[in-house]
Amino acid sequence: MHVRFVLAIAGAAFLAASGPSHAADPDGAREAALAAAVKSAITRKDAAALDGLVYWEGAKDSGREFFRALLETALETTVEGVEVVPLPPGKTGPPTTLPVTHLLRITGAQGEMNSRQSFPVGEKDGRLYLVCAMEAPAGLE
């Protein structure tokens, strides 16, 4: 339980400080497709499907392990909603596998507690991906 709380706090701090903002897809199709794929993977508790939505290229082992721990926490969520929103302007943070352009927000419940998680999203070749830090945040390796 304590590890989940630390991961959630560390993930929130990482997300609150990630990359430049870019405009959203005018019709929202890419955002909607990513949100639907994430919701489906979490609802089915399908770690492999969720893993396939992450852009891993360039991430060190510590970054991969840290992000996978965050994804495992997401898999424990009973999903009520998933949305992809543009990243607020002026946010910067640690280097990620792609520049962060959006946030994916998951709302739901974990056990008897309400849950809200956010994950950084980036774009490559016209597709949106969840992106992870190149390395785990200091002290959480």
Protein backbone atom coordinates (compact mmCIF):
# COMPACT_ATOMS: atom_id res chain seq x y z
CA MET A 1 0.00 0.00 0.00
CA HIS A 2 2.81 2.41 0.94
CA VAL A 3 4.67 1.59 -2.31
CA ARG A 4 1.53 2.41 -4.35
CA PHE A 5 1.18 5.74 -2.59
CA VAL A 6 4.84 6.61 -3.21
CA LEU A 7 4.52 5.61 -6.88
CA ALA A 8 1.35 7.66 -7.27
CA ILE A 9 2.96 10.73 -5.70
CA ALA A 10 6.15 10.30 -7.74
CA GLY A 11 4.14 9.78 -10.91
CA ALA A 12 2.06 12.88 -10.22
CA ALA A 13 5.20 14.95 -9.61
CA PHE A 14 6.74 13.63 -12.82
CA LEU A 15 3.59 14.37 -14.80
CA ALA A 16 3.09 17.82 -13.38
CA ALA A 17 6.50 18.76 -14.70
CA SER A 18 6.68 17.17 -18.19
CA GLY A 19 7.45 18.68 -21.60
CA PRO A 20 6.06 21.40 -23.88
CA SER A 21 2.42 21.83 -24.87
CA HIS A 22 1.09 21.19 -28.39
CA ALA A 23 -2.33 21.64 -29.94
CA ALA A 24 -4.76 18.74 -29.81
CA ASP A 25 -5.95 16.83 -32.88
CA PRO A 26 -8.73 19.08 -34.33
CA ASP A 27 -11.34 16.31 -34.35
CA GLY A 28 -9.90 14.50 -31.33
CA ALA A 29 -9.74 11.14 -33.11
CA ARG A 30 -6.22 10.26 -31.96
CA GLU A 31 -6.96 11.30 -28.39
CA ALA A 32 -10.20 9.30 -28.37
CA ALA A 33 -8.47 6.23 -29.84
CA LEU A 34 -5.74 6.25 -27.19
CA ALA A 35 -8.26 6.80 -24.39
CA ALA A 36 -10.41 3.91 -25.66
CA ALA A 37 -7.40 1.58 -25.98
CA VAL A 38 -6.20 2.39 -22.45
CA LYS A 39 -9.70 1.97 -20.99
CA SER A 40 -10.10 -1.38 -22.75
CA ALA A 41 -6.70 -2.66 -21.55
CA ILE A 42 -7.37 -1.63 -17.94
CA THR A 43 -10.91 -3.02 -17.95
CA ARG A 44 -9.58 -6.37 -19.25
CA LYS A 45 -6.57 -6.19 -16.84
CA ASP A 46 -4.39 -6.72 -19.93
CA ALA A 47 -0.86 -5.64 -19.01
CA ALA A 48 0.54 -6.61 -22.44
CA ALA A 49 -2.01 -4.43 -24.27
CA LEU A 50 -1.26 -1.49 -21.96
CA ASP A 51 2.48 -2.05 -22.41
CA GLY A 52 1.97 -1.92 -26.19
CA LEU A 53 0.63 1.64 -25.90
CA VAL A 54 3.91 2.92 -24.41
CA TYR A 55 6.78 4.36 -26.45
CA TRP A 56 9.75 2.65 -24.79
CA GLU A 57 12.59 3.47 -27.23
CA GLY A 58 15.45 5.20 -25.45
CA ALA A 59 14.29 4.46 -21.90
CA LYS A 60 16.85 3.02 -19.51
CA ASP A 61 15.95 -0.01 -17.41
CA SER A 62 15.22 2.16 -14.35
CA GLY A 63 12.78 4.30 -16.38
CA ARG A 64 11.05 1.20 -17.75
CA GLU A 65 10.72 -0.42 -14.33
CA PHE A 66 9.38 2.75 -12.74
CA PHE A 67 6.80 3.30 -15.49
CA ARG A 68 5.72 -0.35 -15.45
CA ALA A 69 5.06 -0.01 -11.71
CA LEU A 70 2.81 2.98 -12.45
CA LEU A 71 1.00 0.96 -15.14
CA GLU A 72 0.49 -1.94 -12.70
CA THR A 73 -1.21 0.49 -10.32
CA ALA A 74 -3.47 1.63 -13.17
CA LEU A 75 -4.45 -2.00 -13.86
CA GLU A 76 -5.89 -2.18 -10.34
CA THR A 77 -8.35 0.62 -11.13
CA THR A 78 -12.06 0.14 -11.74
CA VAL A 79 -12.29 2.67 -14.57
CA GLU A 80 -15.01 5.30 -14.65
CA GLY A 81 -13.42 7.55 -17.27
CA VAL A 82 -10.35 8.03 -19.46
CA GLU A 83 -9.52 11.20 -21.35
CA VAL A 84 -6.57 12.67 -23.21
CA VAL A 85 -6.11 16.42 -22.76
CA PRO A 86 -3.48 18.88 -24.02
CA LEU A 87 -0.63 19.51 -21.62
CA PRO A 88 -1.01 22.88 -19.90
CA PRO A 89 1.50 25.47 -21.21
CA GLY A 90 4.73 26.05 -19.36
CA LYS A 91 5.21 22.56 -17.94
CA THR A 92 8.74 21.11 -18.05
CA GLY A 93 10.26 18.04 -16.52
CA PRO A 94 12.73 15.20 -16.81
CA PRO A 95 13.66 13.84 -20.25
CA THR A 96 11.10 11.39 -21.61
CA THR A 97 11.13 8.92 -24.51
CA LEU A 98 9.15 11.46 -26.58
CA PRO A 99 8.32 15.12 -25.92
CA VAL A 100 5.17 15.30 -23.80
CA THR A 101 2.24 16.91 -25.62
CA HIS A 102 -0.81 15.64 -23.71
CA LEU A 103 -1.89 14.00 -20.45
CA LEU A 104 -4.00 10.87 -20.21
CA ARG A 105 -6.26 11.04 -17.15
CA ILE A 106 -7.88 7.98 -15.61
CA THR A 107 -10.63 8.32 -13.03
CA GLY A 108 -12.14 5.45 -11.11
CA ALA A 109 -11.71 3.53 -7.91
CA GLN A 110 -9.12 1.28 -6.31
CA GLY A 111 -10.89 -0.74 -3.70
CA GLU A 112 -12.96 1.68 -1.65
CA MET A 113 -10.87 4.72 -2.55
CA ASN A 114 -11.45 7.10 -5.46
CA SER A 115 -8.54 7.17 -7.86
CA ARG A 116 -7.25 9.72 -10.34
CA GLN A 117 -4.10 9.01 -12.29
CA SER A 118 -2.37 10.93 -15.06
CA PHE A 119 0.17 9.69 -17.57
CA PRO A 120 2.29 11.69 -20.02
CA VAL A 121 1.48 11.30 -23.71
CA GLY A 122 3.68 12.08 -26.71
CA GLU A 123 3.40 11.85 -30.47
CA LYS A 124 5.48 9.97 -33.04
CA ASP A 125 4.62 9.62 -36.72
CA GLY A 126 1.08 10.90 -36.15
CA ARG A 127 0.31 8.41 -33.36
CA LEU A 128 -0.09 9.15 -29.66
CA TYR A 129 1.74 7.01 -27.10
CA LEU A 130 2.11 6.90 -23.35
CA VAL A 131 5.68 7.99 -22.67
CA CYS A 132 8.01 7.24 -19.80
CA ALA A 133 10.97 8.98 -18.24
CA MET A 134 14.36 8.05 -19.63
CA GLU A 135 15.33 7.14 -16.04
CA ALA A 136 13.46 6.64 -12.78
CA PRO A 137 13.24 9.79 -10.63
CA ALA A 138 16.15 10.11 -8.20
CA GLY A 139 15.65 8.06 -5.06
CA LEU A 140 13.07 5.73 -6.63
CA GLU A 141 15.36 3.44 -8.61
